[in-house]
């Protein structure tokens, strides 16, 4: 009987322990922005399932999913991109723009109660912060602006 009580306590404690672990920037980037199978109709489900919120834990106003593997996105920081600068975020350094466009899905919050998200699919260049390994924005192919 003591073994089963101990096992029950261990099973209950395991999720609490794992939730207390701090997520690395790379893991957070992957959770929030990488989804090879993303469909623009799935924004609400995927954002809920992955627990994607803003810094205050509220619904995120917009989130972009890159339809590529994390390895493909990391190549932007090696040989698959070029240095760039975001004039709206001058303190963010080590930005790289992809040398080829990516398929992305952009999810935008349009209504809080009930929670409604619109999704749209695009093919755009992306910009990543290689020092933070966090997506900064997308680049419009026609204007080449962040």
N, C-alpha and C. Protein backbone atom coordinates (compact mmCIF):
# COMPACT_ATOMS: atom_id res chain seq x y z
N UNK A 1 0.83 -1.20 0.00
CA UNK A 1 0.00 0.00 0.00
C UNK A 1 0.86 1.25 0.00
N UNK A 2 1.97 1.23 0.71
CA UNK A 2 2.85 2.40 0.74
C UNK A 2 3.40 2.73 -0.63
N UNK A 3 3.66 1.71 -1.42
CA UNK A 3 4.21 1.93 -2.77
C UNK A 3 3.20 2.66 -3.64
N UNK A 4 1.95 2.24 -3.60
CA UNK A 4 0.95 2.88 -4.45
C UNK A 4 0.67 4.32 -4.02
N UNK A 5 0.70 4.62 -2.74
CA UNK A 5 0.53 5.99 -2.27
C UNK A 5 1.70 6.85 -2.75
N UNK A 6 2.92 6.33 -2.63
CA UNK A 6 4.10 7.05 -3.09
C UNK A 6 4.03 7.30 -4.60
N UNK A 7 3.63 6.28 -5.37
CA UNK A 7 3.52 6.41 -6.82
C UNK A 7 2.49 7.48 -7.18
N UNK A 8 1.37 7.51 -6.45
CA UNK A 8 0.35 8.53 -6.70
C UNK A 8 0.86 9.92 -6.45
N UNK A 9 1.62 10.10 -5.38
CA UNK A 9 2.21 11.40 -5.07
C UNK A 9 3.22 11.79 -6.14
N UNK A 10 4.03 10.84 -6.59
CA UNK A 10 5.01 11.09 -7.63
C UNK A 10 4.34 11.50 -8.93
N UNK A 11 3.27 10.82 -9.33
CA UNK A 11 2.57 11.15 -10.56
C UNK A 11 1.93 12.53 -10.48
N UNK A 12 1.39 12.87 -9.34
CA UNK A 12 0.78 14.19 -9.17
C UNK A 12 1.86 15.27 -9.17
N UNK A 13 3.01 14.99 -8.60
CA UNK A 13 4.08 15.98 -8.51
C UNK A 13 4.78 16.21 -9.84
N UNK A 14 4.84 15.20 -10.70
CA UNK A 14 5.60 15.31 -11.96
C UNK A 14 5.14 16.47 -12.83
N UNK A 15 3.84 16.66 -13.07
CA UNK A 15 3.44 17.81 -13.90
C UNK A 15 3.79 19.15 -13.26
N UNK A 16 3.71 19.24 -11.95
CA UNK A 16 4.04 20.48 -11.26
C UNK A 16 5.53 20.78 -11.42
N UNK A 17 6.36 19.76 -11.26
CA UNK A 17 7.80 19.95 -11.41
C UNK A 17 8.14 20.41 -12.82
N UNK A 18 7.55 19.76 -13.83
CA UNK A 18 7.88 20.12 -15.21
C UNK A 18 7.36 21.51 -15.57
N UNK A 19 6.27 21.95 -14.98
CA UNK A 19 5.73 23.27 -15.29
C UNK A 19 6.58 24.38 -14.66
N UNK A 20 7.29 24.06 -13.56
CA UNK A 20 8.12 25.04 -12.90
C UNK A 20 9.44 25.28 -13.64
N UNK A 21 9.85 24.35 -14.50
CA UNK A 21 11.09 24.51 -15.25
C UNK A 21 10.95 25.68 -16.21
N UNK A 22 11.98 26.48 -16.30
CA UNK A 22 11.94 27.63 -17.20
C UNK A 22 12.22 27.18 -18.63
N UNK A 23 11.42 27.66 -19.54
CA UNK A 23 11.56 27.33 -20.95
C UNK A 23 12.71 28.13 -21.55
N UNK A 24 13.57 27.48 -22.31
CA UNK A 24 14.68 28.19 -22.95
C UNK A 24 14.13 29.06 -24.07
N UNK A 25 14.85 30.11 -24.46
CA UNK A 25 14.39 30.93 -25.59
C UNK A 25 14.18 30.12 -26.86
N UNK A 26 15.07 29.15 -27.12
CA UNK A 26 14.94 28.33 -28.32
C UNK A 26 13.68 27.46 -28.26
N UNK A 27 13.40 26.88 -27.09
CA UNK A 27 12.21 26.05 -26.94
C UNK A 27 10.94 26.90 -27.06
N UNK A 28 10.96 28.10 -26.51
CA UNK A 28 9.81 29.00 -26.60
C UNK A 28 9.57 29.41 -28.05
N UNK A 29 10.65 29.73 -28.76
CA UNK A 29 10.54 30.08 -30.17
C UNK A 29 9.89 28.94 -30.95
N UNK A 30 10.37 27.74 -30.73
CA UNK A 30 9.85 26.58 -31.44
C UNK A 30 8.37 26.37 -31.12
N UNK A 31 8.01 26.46 -29.83
CA UNK A 31 6.62 26.25 -29.41
C UNK A 31 5.69 27.31 -30.02
N UNK A 32 6.16 28.54 -30.05
CA UNK A 32 5.29 29.63 -30.50
C UNK A 32 5.29 29.86 -32.01
N UNK A 33 6.35 29.45 -32.70
CA UNK A 33 6.45 29.87 -34.09
C UNK A 33 6.73 28.79 -35.12
N UNK A 34 7.06 27.58 -34.71
CA UNK A 34 7.36 26.52 -35.68
C UNK A 34 6.22 25.52 -35.71
N UNK A 35 5.63 25.32 -36.88
CA UNK A 35 4.58 24.32 -37.07
C UNK A 35 4.51 23.99 -38.55
N UNK A 36 5.17 22.92 -38.93
CA UNK A 36 5.27 22.54 -40.34
C UNK A 36 3.91 22.22 -40.97
N UNK A 37 2.95 21.79 -40.18
CA UNK A 37 1.64 21.38 -40.69
C UNK A 37 0.54 22.42 -40.43
N UNK A 38 0.91 23.62 -40.03
CA UNK A 38 -0.07 24.63 -39.64
C UNK A 38 -1.00 24.99 -40.80
N UNK A 39 -2.28 25.10 -40.45
CA UNK A 39 -3.31 25.51 -41.40
C UNK A 39 -3.97 26.77 -40.83
N UNK A 40 -4.28 27.73 -41.66
CA UNK A 40 -4.83 28.99 -41.16
C UNK A 40 -6.18 28.83 -40.47
N UNK A 41 -6.84 27.70 -40.68
CA UNK A 41 -8.11 27.44 -40.00
C UNK A 41 -7.91 26.96 -38.56
N UNK A 42 -6.67 26.61 -38.20
CA UNK A 42 -6.39 25.99 -36.90
C UNK A 42 -5.81 26.95 -35.86
N UNK A 43 -5.85 28.24 -36.10
CA UNK A 43 -5.21 29.20 -35.19
C UNK A 43 -5.66 29.05 -33.74
N UNK A 44 -6.95 29.05 -33.50
CA UNK A 44 -7.44 29.00 -32.12
C UNK A 44 -7.01 27.71 -31.43
N UNK A 45 -7.17 26.58 -32.09
CA UNK A 45 -6.82 25.29 -31.49
C UNK A 45 -5.32 25.21 -31.20
N UNK A 46 -4.49 25.57 -32.15
CA UNK A 46 -3.04 25.45 -31.97
C UNK A 46 -2.55 26.42 -30.89
N UNK A 47 -3.05 27.64 -30.90
CA UNK A 47 -2.60 28.60 -29.89
C UNK A 47 -3.06 28.18 -28.50
N UNK A 48 -4.25 27.63 -28.38
CA UNK A 48 -4.72 27.12 -27.08
C UNK A 48 -3.92 25.89 -26.66
N UNK A 49 -3.74 24.93 -27.57
CA UNK A 49 -3.02 23.70 -27.24
C UNK A 49 -1.58 23.98 -26.82
N UNK A 50 -0.95 24.97 -27.44
CA UNK A 50 0.45 25.28 -27.14
C UNK A 50 0.61 26.33 -26.05
N UNK A 51 -0.49 26.85 -25.53
CA UNK A 51 -0.43 27.83 -24.45
C UNK A 51 0.26 29.12 -24.86
N UNK A 52 -0.03 29.59 -26.05
CA UNK A 52 0.62 30.79 -26.56
C UNK A 52 -0.14 32.02 -26.08
N UNK A 53 0.52 32.81 -25.25
CA UNK A 53 -0.07 34.03 -24.69
C UNK A 53 0.94 35.16 -24.78
N UNK A 54 0.50 36.37 -24.44
CA UNK A 54 1.44 37.48 -24.39
C UNK A 54 2.23 37.41 -23.08
N UNK A 55 3.05 38.42 -22.82
CA UNK A 55 3.91 38.42 -21.63
C UNK A 55 3.12 38.46 -20.32
N UNK A 56 1.86 38.91 -20.37
CA UNK A 56 1.02 38.98 -19.17
C UNK A 56 0.10 37.77 -19.02
N UNK A 57 0.22 36.79 -19.92
CA UNK A 57 -0.63 35.62 -19.87
C UNK A 57 -1.97 35.80 -20.54
N UNK A 58 -2.16 36.92 -21.24
CA UNK A 58 -3.40 37.18 -21.96
C UNK A 58 -3.32 36.64 -23.38
N UNK A 59 -4.45 36.64 -24.06
CA UNK A 59 -4.47 36.22 -25.46
C UNK A 59 -3.52 37.11 -26.26
N UNK A 60 -2.71 36.49 -27.07
CA UNK A 60 -1.75 37.23 -27.89
C UNK A 60 -2.50 37.85 -29.06
N UNK A 61 -2.23 39.11 -29.36
CA UNK A 61 -2.94 39.80 -30.43
C UNK A 61 -2.61 39.24 -31.80
N UNK A 62 -1.36 38.85 -32.00
CA UNK A 62 -0.97 38.24 -33.27
C UNK A 62 0.17 37.26 -33.02
N UNK A 63 0.19 36.21 -33.80
CA UNK A 63 1.27 35.22 -33.71
C UNK A 63 1.50 34.64 -35.10
N UNK A 64 2.76 34.47 -35.46
CA UNK A 64 3.11 33.94 -36.76
C UNK A 64 3.72 32.55 -36.61
N UNK A 65 3.20 31.61 -37.39
CA UNK A 65 3.76 30.26 -37.44
C UNK A 65 4.52 30.10 -38.75
N UNK A 66 5.72 29.57 -38.64
CA UNK A 66 6.55 29.29 -39.80
C UNK A 66 6.36 27.83 -40.15
N UNK A 67 5.98 27.56 -41.40
CA UNK A 67 5.73 26.19 -41.83
C UNK A 67 7.03 25.57 -42.35
N UNK A 68 7.96 25.36 -41.42
CA UNK A 68 9.26 24.77 -41.74
C UNK A 68 9.82 24.16 -40.47
N UNK A 69 10.82 23.32 -40.64
CA UNK A 69 11.46 22.71 -39.47
C UNK A 69 12.33 23.74 -38.76
N UNK A 70 12.60 23.51 -37.50
CA UNK A 70 13.47 24.41 -36.74
C UNK A 70 14.87 24.42 -37.36
N UNK A 71 15.31 23.30 -37.89
CA UNK A 71 16.63 23.22 -38.53
C UNK A 71 16.69 24.15 -39.74
N UNK A 72 15.64 24.17 -40.54
CA UNK A 72 15.59 25.05 -41.72
C UNK A 72 15.62 26.51 -41.30
N UNK A 73 14.89 26.86 -40.26
CA UNK A 73 14.87 28.24 -39.78
C UNK A 73 16.24 28.62 -39.21
N UNK A 74 16.89 27.71 -38.50
CA UNK A 74 18.22 27.99 -37.94
C UNK A 74 19.25 28.27 -39.03
N UNK A 75 19.06 27.72 -40.21
CA UNK A 75 19.99 27.95 -41.32
C UNK A 75 20.05 29.44 -41.71
N UNK A 76 18.99 30.18 -41.40
CA UNK A 76 18.99 31.63 -41.68
C UNK A 76 20.14 32.29 -40.93
N UNK A 77 20.42 31.81 -39.74
CA UNK A 77 21.49 32.38 -38.92
C UNK A 77 22.88 31.93 -39.38
N UNK A 78 22.93 30.89 -40.19
CA UNK A 78 24.22 30.38 -40.67
C UNK A 78 24.50 30.91 -42.07
N UNK A 79 23.88 30.29 -43.07
CA UNK A 79 24.16 30.68 -44.46
C UNK A 79 22.92 31.08 -45.24
N UNK A 80 21.74 30.93 -44.65
CA UNK A 80 20.51 31.15 -45.40
C UNK A 80 19.88 32.51 -45.24
N UNK A 81 20.66 33.49 -44.82
CA UNK A 81 20.08 34.81 -44.63
C UNK A 81 21.12 35.91 -44.70
N UNK A 82 20.62 37.12 -44.61
CA UNK A 82 21.52 38.28 -44.64
C UNK A 82 21.20 39.19 -43.46
N UNK A 83 22.23 39.92 -43.00
CA UNK A 83 22.03 40.83 -41.87
C UNK A 83 21.00 41.89 -42.23
N UNK A 84 20.23 42.30 -41.24
CA UNK A 84 19.28 43.38 -41.46
C UNK A 84 19.09 44.14 -40.15
N UNK A 85 18.36 45.24 -40.22
CA UNK A 85 18.15 46.13 -39.09
C UNK A 85 16.69 46.50 -39.04
N UNK A 86 16.09 46.47 -37.86
CA UNK A 86 14.69 46.85 -37.69
C UNK A 86 14.66 48.23 -37.05
N UNK A 87 14.31 49.24 -37.83
CA UNK A 87 14.31 50.61 -37.30
C UNK A 87 13.30 50.81 -36.17
N UNK A 88 12.27 49.94 -36.07
CA UNK A 88 11.29 50.04 -35.00
C UNK A 88 11.80 49.42 -33.69
N UNK A 89 12.85 48.60 -33.78
CA UNK A 89 13.44 47.96 -32.59
C UNK A 89 14.95 48.07 -32.69
N UNK A 90 15.50 49.29 -32.58
CA UNK A 90 16.94 49.48 -32.79
C UNK A 90 17.82 48.79 -31.76
N UNK A 91 17.27 48.43 -30.59
CA UNK A 91 18.06 47.76 -29.56
C UNK A 91 18.22 46.26 -29.82
N UNK A 92 17.43 45.71 -30.74
CA UNK A 92 17.52 44.28 -31.06
C UNK A 92 18.60 44.10 -32.12
N UNK A 93 19.61 43.31 -31.77
CA UNK A 93 20.76 43.09 -32.65
C UNK A 93 20.76 41.68 -33.23
N UNK A 94 21.66 41.47 -34.16
CA UNK A 94 21.90 40.16 -34.77
C UNK A 94 20.66 39.64 -35.49
N UNK A 95 20.01 40.52 -36.22
CA UNK A 95 18.84 40.13 -37.02
C UNK A 95 19.29 39.63 -38.39
N UNK A 96 18.61 38.60 -38.88
CA UNK A 96 18.90 38.08 -40.20
C UNK A 96 17.59 37.87 -40.94
N UNK A 97 17.58 38.30 -42.20
CA UNK A 97 16.43 38.11 -43.08
C UNK A 97 16.69 36.88 -43.95
N UNK A 98 15.70 36.03 -44.07
CA UNK A 98 15.86 34.83 -44.88
C UNK A 98 16.16 35.20 -46.34
N UNK A 99 16.95 34.37 -46.99
CA UNK A 99 17.28 34.63 -48.40
C UNK A 99 16.20 34.09 -49.32
N UNK A 100 15.27 33.32 -48.78
CA UNK A 100 14.14 32.80 -49.55
C UNK A 100 12.88 32.97 -48.72
N UNK A 101 11.74 33.14 -49.38
CA UNK A 101 10.49 33.27 -48.62
C UNK A 101 10.07 31.93 -48.00
N UNK A 102 9.33 32.02 -46.91
CA UNK A 102 8.80 30.86 -46.20
C UNK A 102 7.29 30.91 -46.25
N UNK A 103 6.66 29.74 -46.20
CA UNK A 103 5.22 29.68 -46.01
C UNK A 103 4.97 29.93 -44.53
N UNK A 104 4.08 30.86 -44.24
CA UNK A 104 3.75 31.20 -42.85
C UNK A 104 2.24 31.27 -42.69
N UNK A 105 1.81 31.17 -41.45
CA UNK A 105 0.41 31.40 -41.10
C UNK A 105 0.40 32.45 -40.02
N UNK A 106 -0.33 33.52 -40.25
CA UNK A 106 -0.44 34.59 -39.27
C UNK A 106 -1.81 34.51 -38.61
N UNK A 107 -1.82 34.42 -37.29
CA UNK A 107 -3.06 34.35 -36.51
C UNK A 107 -3.26 35.70 -35.82
N UNK A 108 -4.44 36.27 -35.99
CA UNK A 108 -4.73 37.58 -35.42
C UNK A 108 -6.00 37.51 -34.59
N UNK A 109 -5.92 38.01 -33.36
CA UNK A 109 -7.08 38.06 -32.47
C UNK A 109 -8.02 39.16 -32.96
N UNK A 110 -9.28 38.80 -33.19
CA UNK A 110 -10.26 39.79 -33.65
C UNK A 110 -11.36 40.06 -32.63
N UNK A 111 -11.49 39.16 -31.64
CA UNK A 111 -12.54 39.34 -30.65
C UNK A 111 -12.18 38.54 -29.39
N UNK A 112 -12.37 39.16 -28.21
CA UNK A 112 -12.04 38.49 -26.95
C UNK A 112 -13.11 37.54 -26.45
N UNK A 113 -14.34 37.96 -26.38
CA UNK A 113 -15.39 37.11 -25.82
C UNK A 113 -16.53 36.98 -26.82
N UNK A 114 -16.74 35.85 -27.43
CA UNK A 114 -15.88 34.69 -27.33
C UNK A 114 -14.57 34.92 -28.09
N UNK A 115 -13.58 34.19 -27.70
CA UNK A 115 -12.23 34.25 -28.25
C UNK A 115 -12.25 33.86 -29.73
N UNK A 116 -11.96 34.81 -30.62
CA UNK A 116 -12.00 34.54 -32.07
C UNK A 116 -10.68 34.96 -32.69
N UNK A 117 -10.10 34.05 -33.47
CA UNK A 117 -8.86 34.32 -34.19
C UNK A 117 -9.08 34.15 -35.67
N UNK A 118 -8.54 35.07 -36.45
CA UNK A 118 -8.53 34.91 -37.90
C UNK A 118 -7.15 34.43 -38.30
N UNK A 119 -7.10 33.54 -39.28
CA UNK A 119 -5.82 33.06 -39.78
C UNK A 119 -5.68 33.40 -41.24
N UNK A 120 -4.45 33.64 -41.66
CA UNK A 120 -4.16 33.92 -43.06
C UNK A 120 -2.82 33.29 -43.42
N UNK A 121 -2.75 32.73 -44.62
CA UNK A 121 -1.51 32.09 -45.09
C UNK A 121 -0.80 33.04 -46.05
N UNK A 122 0.53 33.10 -45.92
CA UNK A 122 1.36 33.95 -46.77
C UNK A 122 2.63 33.21 -47.14
N UNK A 123 3.33 33.74 -48.13
CA UNK A 123 4.67 33.29 -48.47
C UNK A 123 5.54 34.53 -48.41
N UNK A 124 6.35 34.64 -47.35
CA UNK A 124 7.12 35.86 -47.10
C UNK A 124 8.51 35.54 -46.59
N UNK A 125 9.39 36.51 -46.76
CA UNK A 125 10.69 36.44 -46.11
C UNK A 125 10.46 36.62 -44.62
N UNK A 126 11.27 35.98 -43.81
CA UNK A 126 11.12 36.14 -42.37
C UNK A 126 12.40 36.73 -41.80
N UNK A 127 12.27 37.37 -40.65
CA UNK A 127 13.40 37.96 -39.94
C UNK A 127 13.48 37.31 -38.57
N UNK A 128 14.66 36.81 -38.23
CA UNK A 128 14.85 36.19 -36.92
C UNK A 128 16.00 36.87 -36.20
N UNK A 129 15.92 36.89 -34.89
CA UNK A 129 17.01 37.36 -34.06
C UNK A 129 17.86 36.15 -33.72
N UNK A 130 19.04 36.08 -34.28
CA UNK A 130 19.89 34.91 -34.06
C UNK A 130 20.46 34.88 -32.65
N UNK A 131 20.61 36.02 -32.01
CA UNK A 131 21.12 36.02 -30.63
C UNK A 131 20.05 35.60 -29.64
N UNK A 132 18.82 35.90 -29.92
CA UNK A 132 17.72 35.54 -29.02
C UNK A 132 16.99 34.29 -29.49
N UNK A 133 17.24 33.90 -30.74
CA UNK A 133 16.51 32.82 -31.41
C UNK A 133 15.01 33.04 -31.24
N UNK A 134 14.58 34.21 -31.60
CA UNK A 134 13.17 34.55 -31.49
C UNK A 134 12.74 35.31 -32.73
N UNK A 135 11.61 34.90 -33.29
CA UNK A 135 11.10 35.56 -34.50
C UNK A 135 10.75 37.00 -34.19
N UNK A 136 11.18 37.92 -35.05
CA UNK A 136 10.88 39.34 -34.87
C UNK A 136 9.75 39.77 -35.79
N UNK A 137 9.76 39.39 -37.03
CA UNK A 137 8.70 39.82 -37.93
C UNK A 137 8.84 39.17 -39.28
N UNK A 138 7.97 39.54 -40.19
CA UNK A 138 8.05 39.05 -41.55
C UNK A 138 8.34 40.22 -42.46
N UNK A 139 8.86 39.93 -43.61
CA UNK A 139 9.20 40.98 -44.56
C UNK A 139 8.28 40.85 -45.75
N UNK A 140 7.65 41.95 -46.12
CA UNK A 140 6.79 41.98 -47.29
C UNK A 140 7.67 41.88 -48.54
N UNK A 141 7.42 40.88 -49.38
CA UNK A 141 8.27 40.65 -50.56
C UNK A 141 8.27 41.84 -51.52
N UNK A 142 7.18 42.57 -51.58
CA UNK A 142 7.09 43.64 -52.55
C UNK A 142 7.82 44.91 -52.10
N UNK A 143 7.80 45.20 -50.80
CA UNK A 143 8.42 46.44 -50.34
C UNK A 143 9.77 46.22 -49.63
N UNK A 144 10.08 44.96 -49.28
CA UNK A 144 11.32 44.61 -48.61
C UNK A 144 11.49 45.33 -47.28
N UNK A 145 10.37 45.57 -46.58
CA UNK A 145 10.43 46.23 -45.27
C UNK A 145 9.99 45.26 -44.19
N UNK A 146 10.51 45.48 -42.98
CA UNK A 146 10.15 44.62 -41.84
C UNK A 146 8.84 45.08 -41.27
